[in-house]
Amino acid sequence: MMSEKQQQLRKQLLAKIHTHSRYKLLIANDAWQTFLQVRFGVPSISQSTLRKYLWFKGI
């Protein structure tokens, strides 16, 4: 279970991901799930860990 601070960080990172041009391009090309599977080994970002979310922090 995530702490309140971790949950807040997760929400902030998700907002950053979902507004990023790379995410929008992958979604437009129906490639988001493939990207997640190849990069993180998960079919959905919701199945990822907080550590994996931090990779997106540089976006």
N, C-alpha and C. Protein backbone atom coordinates (compact mmCIF):
# COMPACT_ATOMS: atom_id res chain seq x y z
N MET A 1 0.84 -1.18 0.00
CA MET A 1 0.00 0.00 0.00
C MET A 1 0.89 1.25 0.00
N MET A 2 0.48 2.23 -0.76
CA MET A 2 1.27 3.46 -0.86
C MET A 2 0.88 4.44 0.24
N SER A 3 1.88 5.20 0.65
CA SER A 3 1.60 6.25 1.62
C SER A 3 0.88 7.39 0.91
N GLU A 4 0.37 8.33 1.68
CA GLU A 4 -0.33 9.48 1.10
C GLU A 4 0.61 10.27 0.18
N LYS A 5 1.86 10.42 0.60
CA LYS A 5 2.84 11.14 -0.21
C LYS A 5 3.11 10.41 -1.53
N GLN A 6 3.22 9.09 -1.47
CA GLN A 6 3.43 8.30 -2.68
C GLN A 6 2.22 8.40 -3.62
N GLN A 7 1.02 8.37 -3.06
CA GLN A 7 -0.19 8.50 -3.87
C GLN A 7 -0.23 9.86 -4.57
N GLN A 8 0.16 10.89 -3.86
CA GLN A 8 0.18 12.23 -4.43
C GLN A 8 1.21 12.30 -5.56
N LEU A 9 2.39 11.73 -5.35
CA LEU A 9 3.42 11.71 -6.38
C LEU A 9 2.93 10.94 -7.60
N ARG A 10 2.28 9.80 -7.38
CA ARG A 10 1.74 8.99 -8.47
C ARG A 10 0.74 9.80 -9.29
N LYS A 11 -0.16 10.50 -8.63
CA LYS A 11 -1.15 11.32 -9.34
C LYS A 11 -0.49 12.43 -10.14
N GLN A 12 0.53 13.05 -9.58
CA GLN A 12 1.24 14.12 -10.29
C GLN A 12 1.96 13.57 -11.52
N LEU A 13 2.58 12.41 -11.36
CA LEU A 13 3.29 11.80 -12.49
C LEU A 13 2.32 11.36 -13.58
N LEU A 14 1.18 10.81 -13.19
CA LEU A 14 0.18 10.42 -14.18
C LEU A 14 -0.33 11.63 -14.95
N ALA A 15 -0.55 12.72 -14.26
CA ALA A 15 -1.00 13.94 -14.94
C ALA A 15 0.07 14.40 -15.93
N LYS A 16 1.33 14.32 -15.53
CA LYS A 16 2.42 14.73 -16.41
C LYS A 16 2.52 13.81 -17.62
N ILE A 17 2.37 12.51 -17.39
CA ILE A 17 2.42 11.53 -18.48
C ILE A 17 1.30 11.78 -19.48
N HIS A 18 0.08 11.93 -18.97
CA HIS A 18 -1.09 12.03 -19.84
C HIS A 18 -1.19 13.35 -20.58
N THR A 19 -0.37 14.31 -20.26
CA THR A 19 -0.36 15.58 -21.00
C THR A 19 0.88 15.73 -21.87
N HIS A 20 1.76 14.72 -21.84
CA HIS A 20 3.00 14.78 -22.60
C HIS A 20 2.77 14.43 -24.07
N SER A 21 3.49 15.08 -24.95
CA SER A 21 3.32 14.86 -26.39
C SER A 21 3.66 13.43 -26.81
N ARG A 22 4.63 12.79 -26.16
CA ARG A 22 4.98 11.41 -26.50
C ARG A 22 3.82 10.47 -26.19
N TYR A 23 3.20 10.67 -25.04
CA TYR A 23 2.03 9.86 -24.68
C TYR A 23 0.93 10.05 -25.71
N LYS A 24 0.66 11.30 -26.06
CA LYS A 24 -0.40 11.59 -27.03
C LYS A 24 -0.11 10.96 -28.38
N LEU A 25 1.14 10.97 -28.80
CA LEU A 25 1.53 10.36 -30.06
C LEU A 25 1.34 8.84 -30.00
N LEU A 26 1.77 8.22 -28.91
CA LEU A 26 1.60 6.78 -28.76
C LEU A 26 0.12 6.40 -28.73
N ILE A 27 -0.69 7.17 -28.05
CA ILE A 27 -2.14 6.91 -28.00
C ILE A 27 -2.74 7.05 -29.40
N ALA A 28 -2.37 8.11 -30.11
CA ALA A 28 -2.91 8.36 -31.45
C ALA A 28 -2.56 7.22 -32.41
N ASN A 29 -1.42 6.58 -32.18
CA ASN A 29 -0.98 5.48 -33.04
C ASN A 29 -1.29 4.10 -32.45
N ASP A 30 -2.13 4.10 -31.43
CA ASP A 30 -2.54 2.86 -30.76
C ASP A 30 -1.33 2.03 -30.33
N ALA A 31 -0.31 2.71 -29.80
CA ALA A 31 0.93 2.03 -29.42
C ALA A 31 1.26 2.15 -27.93
N TRP A 32 0.40 2.75 -27.15
CA TRP A 32 0.69 2.97 -25.73
C TRP A 32 0.87 1.66 -24.98
N GLN A 33 -0.05 0.72 -25.16
CA GLN A 33 0.06 -0.55 -24.44
C GLN A 33 1.30 -1.33 -24.87
N THR A 34 1.63 -1.28 -26.14
CA THR A 34 2.84 -1.94 -26.63
C THR A 34 4.07 -1.32 -25.98
N PHE A 35 4.10 0.00 -25.93
CA PHE A 35 5.21 0.71 -25.28
C PHE A 35 5.35 0.28 -23.83
N LEU A 36 4.24 0.24 -23.10
CA LEU A 36 4.29 -0.17 -21.69
C LEU A 36 4.78 -1.61 -21.54
N GLN A 37 4.30 -2.47 -22.43
CA GLN A 37 4.70 -3.88 -22.35
C GLN A 37 6.18 -4.04 -22.63
N VAL A 38 6.68 -3.38 -23.66
CA VAL A 38 8.09 -3.50 -24.02
C VAL A 38 8.99 -2.82 -22.99
N ARG A 39 8.63 -1.61 -22.58
CA ARG A 39 9.49 -0.82 -21.68
C ARG A 39 9.44 -1.29 -20.23
N PHE A 40 8.22 -1.65 -19.76
CA PHE A 40 8.04 -1.96 -18.34
C PHE A 40 7.55 -3.38 -18.05
N GLY A 41 7.14 -4.10 -19.10
CA GLY A 41 6.64 -5.45 -18.89
C GLY A 41 5.25 -5.49 -18.29
N VAL A 42 4.48 -4.42 -18.46
CA VAL A 42 3.11 -4.38 -17.96
C VAL A 42 2.19 -3.87 -19.08
N PRO A 43 0.95 -4.35 -19.13
CA PRO A 43 0.02 -3.91 -20.18
C PRO A 43 -0.68 -2.59 -19.85
N SER A 44 -0.55 -2.15 -18.60
CA SER A 44 -1.24 -0.94 -18.17
C SER A 44 -0.37 -0.21 -17.14
N ILE A 45 -0.35 1.11 -17.21
CA ILE A 45 0.44 1.88 -16.25
C ILE A 45 -0.07 1.67 -14.82
N SER A 46 -1.36 1.34 -14.69
CA SER A 46 -1.91 1.10 -13.35
C SER A 46 -1.32 -0.15 -12.71
N GLN A 47 -0.74 -1.03 -13.51
CA GLN A 47 -0.12 -2.24 -12.98
C GLN A 47 1.37 -2.05 -12.72
N SER A 48 1.84 -0.85 -12.95
CA SER A 48 3.25 -0.55 -12.74
C SER A 48 3.49 -0.17 -11.28
N THR A 49 4.75 -0.16 -10.90
CA THR A 49 5.11 0.24 -9.55
C THR A 49 5.52 1.71 -9.55
N LEU A 50 5.56 2.29 -8.39
CA LEU A 50 5.97 3.69 -8.26
C LEU A 50 7.38 3.88 -8.80
N ARG A 51 8.25 2.92 -8.59
CA ARG A 51 9.62 3.01 -9.09
C ARG A 51 9.62 3.16 -10.61
N LYS A 52 8.74 2.44 -11.29
CA LYS A 52 8.66 2.54 -12.74
C LYS A 52 8.08 3.89 -13.16
N TYR A 53 7.18 4.43 -12.37
CA TYR A 53 6.63 5.76 -12.66
C TYR A 53 7.74 6.81 -12.69
N LEU A 54 8.72 6.62 -11.85
CA LEU A 54 9.79 7.61 -11.75
C LEU A 54 10.58 7.72 -13.03
N TRP A 55 10.56 6.69 -13.88
CA TRP A 55 11.21 6.77 -15.18
C TRP A 55 10.60 7.92 -15.98
N PHE A 56 9.29 8.13 -15.81
CA PHE A 56 8.58 9.17 -16.54
C PHE A 56 8.87 10.57 -15.99
N LYS A 57 9.46 10.64 -14.83
CA LYS A 57 9.68 11.94 -14.20
C LYS A 57 10.49 12.87 -15.09
N GLY A 58 11.36 12.30 -15.92
CA GLY A 58 12.17 13.10 -16.83
C GLY A 58 11.40 13.62 -18.04
N ILE A 59 10.19 13.17 -18.22
CA ILE A 59 9.40 13.60 -19.38
C ILE A 59 9.07 15.07 -19.28
